[in-house]
């Protein structure tokens, strides 16, 4: 319960993973893509 993405980044809760990452129960995903 950080409140926003900036606070989560400051706490080190936001990670960037590769395409071979195995999802864990409870993961929240933000998909980044470009067109």
PDB file of N, CA and C in Angstrom:
ATOM      1  N   UNK A   1       0.848  -1.185   0.000  1.00  0.00           N
ATOM      2  CA  UNK A   1       0.000   0.000   0.000  1.00  0.00           C
ATOM      3  C   UNK A   1       0.884   1.235   0.000  1.00  0.00           C
ATOM      4  N   UNK A   2       1.548   1.464  -1.117  1.00  0.00           N
ATOM      5  CA  UNK A   2       2.448   2.615  -1.236  1.00  0.00           C
ATOM      6  C   UNK A   2       1.714   3.872  -1.671  1.00  0.00           C
ATOM      7  N   UNK A   3       0.577   3.726  -2.314  1.00  0.00           N
ATOM      8  CA  UNK A   3      -0.179   4.894  -2.749  1.00  0.00           C
ATOM      9  C   UNK A   3      -0.029   5.208  -4.224  1.00  0.00           C
ATOM     10  N   UNK A   4       1.208   5.135  -4.743  1.00  0.00           N
ATOM     11  CA  UNK A   4       1.416   5.392  -6.167  1.00  0.00           C
ATOM     12  C   UNK A   4       2.703   4.708  -6.634  1.00  0.00           C
ATOM     13  N   UNK A   5       2.914   4.735  -7.942  1.00  0.00           N
ATOM     14  CA  UNK A   5       4.069   4.043  -8.521  1.00  0.00           C
ATOM     15  C   UNK A   5       5.389   4.655  -8.072  1.00  0.00           C
ATOM     16  N   UNK A   6       5.449   5.962  -7.921  1.00  0.00           N
ATOM     17  CA  UNK A   6       6.694   6.613  -7.506  1.00  0.00           C
ATOM     18  C   UNK A   6       7.105   6.139  -6.115  1.00  0.00           C
ATOM     19  N   UNK A   7       6.155   6.024  -5.212  1.00  0.00           N
ATOM     20  CA  UNK A   7       6.452   5.558  -3.857  1.00  0.00           C
ATOM     21  C   UNK A   7       6.890   4.097  -3.874  1.00  0.00           C
ATOM     22  N   UNK A   8       6.267   3.289  -4.718  1.00  0.00           N
ATOM     23  CA  UNK A   8       6.644   1.879  -4.826  1.00  0.00           C
ATOM     24  C   UNK A   8       8.062   1.743  -5.372  1.00  0.00           C
ATOM     25  N   UNK A   9       8.432   2.582  -6.339  1.00  0.00           N
ATOM     26  CA  UNK A   9       9.801   2.556  -6.874  1.00  0.00           C
ATOM     27  C   UNK A   9      10.812   2.934  -5.799  1.00  0.00           C
ATOM     28  N   UNK A  10      10.487   3.946  -5.000  1.00  0.00           N
ATOM     29  CA  UNK A  10      11.396   4.381  -3.939  1.00  0.00           C
ATOM     30  C   UNK A  10      11.627   3.274  -2.918  1.00  0.00           C
ATOM     31  N   UNK A  11      10.603   2.477  -2.647  1.00  0.00           N
ATOM     32  CA  UNK A  11      10.724   1.377  -1.687  1.00  0.00           C
ATOM     33  C   UNK A  11      11.377   0.142  -2.307  1.00  0.00           C
ATOM     34  N   UNK A  12      11.622   0.176  -3.621  1.00  0.00           N
ATOM     35  CA  UNK A  12      12.255  -0.956  -4.283  1.00  0.00           C
ATOM     36  C   UNK A  12      11.302  -2.090  -4.594  1.00  0.00           C
ATOM     37  N   UNK A  13      10.012  -1.801  -4.683  1.00  0.00           N
ATOM     38  CA  UNK A  13       9.016  -2.835  -4.940  1.00  0.00           C
ATOM     39  C   UNK A  13       8.729  -3.030  -6.423  1.00  0.00           C
ATOM     40  N   UNK A  14       9.235  -2.129  -7.265  1.00  0.00           N
ATOM     41  CA  UNK A  14       9.000  -2.212  -8.705  1.00  0.00           C
ATOM     42  C   UNK A  14      10.259  -2.756  -9.360  1.00  0.00           C
ATOM     43  N   UNK A  15      10.092  -3.823 -10.141  1.00  0.00           N
ATOM     44  CA  UNK A  15      11.226  -4.437 -10.833  1.00  0.00           C
ATOM     45  C   UNK A  15      10.910  -4.545 -12.316  1.00  0.00           C
ATOM     46  N   UNK A  16      11.949  -4.568 -13.121  1.00  0.00           N
ATOM     47  CA  UNK A  16      11.810  -4.819 -14.546  1.00  0.00           C
ATOM     48  C   UNK A  16      12.334  -6.222 -14.808  1.00  0.00           C
ATOM     49  N   UNK A  17      11.487  -7.070 -15.355  1.00  0.00           N
ATOM     50  CA  UNK A  17      11.846  -8.468 -15.602  1.00  0.00           C
ATOM     51  C   UNK A  17      11.838  -8.742 -17.100  1.00  0.00           C
ATOM     52  N   UNK A  18      12.544  -9.778 -17.511  1.00  0.00           N
ATOM     53  CA  UNK A  18      12.592 -10.175 -18.909  1.00  0.00           C
ATOM     54  C   UNK A  18      11.408 -11.035 -19.296  1.00  0.00           C
ATOM     55  N   UNK A  19      11.353 -11.399 -20.578  1.00  0.00           N
ATOM     56  CA  UNK A  19      10.202 -12.151 -21.072  1.00  0.00           C
ATOM     57  C   UNK A  19      10.161 -13.589 -20.565  1.00  0.00           C
ATOM     58  N   UNK A  20      11.268 -14.074 -19.987  1.00  0.00           N
ATOM     59  CA  UNK A  20      11.276 -15.448 -19.483  1.00  0.00           C
ATOM     60  C   UNK A  20      10.979 -15.521 -17.983  1.00  0.00           C
ATOM     61  N   UNK A  21      10.507 -14.420 -17.385  1.00  0.00           N
ATOM     62  CA  UNK A  21      10.166 -14.385 -15.964  1.00  0.00           C
ATOM     63  C   UNK A  21       8.973 -15.295 -15.696  1.00  0.00           C
ATOM     64  N   UNK A  22       9.055 -16.090 -14.664  1.00  0.00           N
ATOM     65  CA  UNK A  22       7.957 -16.973 -14.273  1.00  0.00           C
ATOM     66  C   UNK A  22       7.101 -16.240 -13.245  1.00  0.00           C
ATOM     67  N   UNK A  23       5.841 -16.042 -13.589  1.00  0.00           N
ATOM     68  CA  UNK A  23       4.929 -15.303 -12.718  1.00  0.00           C
ATOM     69  C   UNK A  23       4.727 -16.044 -11.401  1.00  0.00           C
ATOM     70  N   UNK A  24       4.669 -15.281 -10.320  1.00  0.00           N
ATOM     71  CA  UNK A  24       4.408 -15.816  -8.991  1.00  0.00           C
ATOM     72  C   UNK A  24       3.013 -15.368  -8.556  1.00  0.00           C
ATOM     73  N   UNK A  25       2.416 -16.125  -7.646  1.00  0.00           N
ATOM     74  CA  UNK A  25       1.109 -15.767  -7.120  1.00  0.00           C
ATOM     75  C   UNK A  25       1.196 -14.408  -6.424  1.00  0.00           C
ATOM     76  N   UNK A  26       0.308 -13.495  -6.762  1.00  0.00           N
ATOM     77  CA  UNK A  26       0.299 -12.175  -6.149  1.00  0.00           C
ATOM     78  C   UNK A  26       1.045 -11.111  -6.935  1.00  0.00           C
ATOM     79  N   UNK A  27       1.715 -11.487  -8.041  1.00  0.00           N
ATOM     80  CA  UNK A  27       2.416 -10.503  -8.865  1.00  0.00           C
ATOM     81  C   UNK A  27       1.419  -9.554  -9.532  1.00  0.00           C
ATOM     82  N   UNK A  28       1.779  -8.301  -9.603  1.00  0.00           N
ATOM     83  CA  UNK A  28       1.015  -7.301 -10.351  1.00  0.00           C
ATOM     84  C   UNK A  28       1.885  -6.901 -11.526  1.00  0.00           C
ATOM     85  N   UNK A  29       1.301  -6.875 -12.727  1.00  0.00           N
ATOM     86  CA  UNK A  29       2.083  -6.690 -13.944  1.00  0.00           C
ATOM     87  C   UNK A  29       1.690  -5.397 -14.652  1.00  0.00           C
ATOM     88  N   UNK A  30       2.687  -4.640 -15.048  1.00  0.00           N
ATOM     89  CA  UNK A  30       2.491  -3.474 -15.903  1.00  0.00           C
ATOM     90  C   UNK A  30       3.222  -3.787 -17.202  1.00  0.00           C
ATOM     91  N   UNK A  31       2.470  -4.059 -18.268  1.00  0.00           N
ATOM     92  CA  UNK A  31       3.066  -4.406 -19.553  1.00  0.00           C
ATOM     93  C   UNK A  31       3.465  -3.136 -20.285  1.00  0.00           C
ATOM     94  N   UNK A  32       4.723  -3.068 -20.699  1.00  0.00           N
ATOM     95  CA  UNK A  32       5.216  -1.941 -21.481  1.00  0.00           C
ATOM     96  C   UNK A  32       5.421  -2.400 -22.922  1.00  0.00           C
ATOM     97  N   UNK A  33       4.914  -1.641 -23.873  1.00  0.00           N
ATOM     98  CA  UNK A  33       5.078  -1.990 -25.279  1.00  0.00           C
ATOM     99  C   UNK A  33       5.030  -0.717 -26.113  1.00  0.00           C
ATOM    100  N   UNK A  34       5.527  -0.804 -27.325  1.00  0.00           N
ATOM    101  CA  UNK A  34       5.382   0.319 -28.248  1.00  0.00           C
ATOM    102  C   UNK A  34       4.853  -0.204 -29.573  1.00  0.00           C
ATOM    103  N   UNK A  35       4.261   0.677 -30.329  1.00  0.00           N
ATOM    104  CA  UNK A  35       3.589   0.270 -31.565  1.00  0.00           C
ATOM    105  C   UNK A  35       4.411   0.696 -32.756  1.00  0.00           C
TER     106      UNK A  35
END
